[in-house]
Amino acid sequence: MTNLELLKTIYQGFLNGNMDVLFSNLAEEAIWKIHSAPDSPLPAVSIGADEIKGYFQALDSEVELRKFDIKQILDGGDTFAVLIDLDRKYKSSGAEKQGQYVHIIKFNEDGQLASFDGYEPSA
């Protein structure tokens, strides 16, 4: 499976609630970073499978995803930029965020997800 095919499979798993696809393809010391507002209730940095699983548990309990549409995937071989139209609501505060998000995802030489950087709109 190519990195692009794996990336698409991981996103499809996320949309279908099957996170095992992601977790089984993480590099041992994978780094997951979310670049968001300082008051975000989600962890900004997670390292390794256990912390990344914790991030997704927090995401599930704190965020209601209303829209998650992948608009474009820019393929750099082992590095990808994914443009996403996203609409979400924070359950605890009621705050809402909409806009275009960018995910930068890198795979290592073994075809495992090594890093994720998620950027959200500032406004």
Foldseek 3Di string as FASTA:
>chain_A
DFLVVLVVVCVVCVVVVNNVSQLVQADQFAKEAEDADPPDPADGIATGSVRVVVRVVCCVVFKDWPAWAFDDWDDPRFKIKTKIFTWMATPVPRDIFTDIKIWIWGADPVSGTRYIYIYGDHD
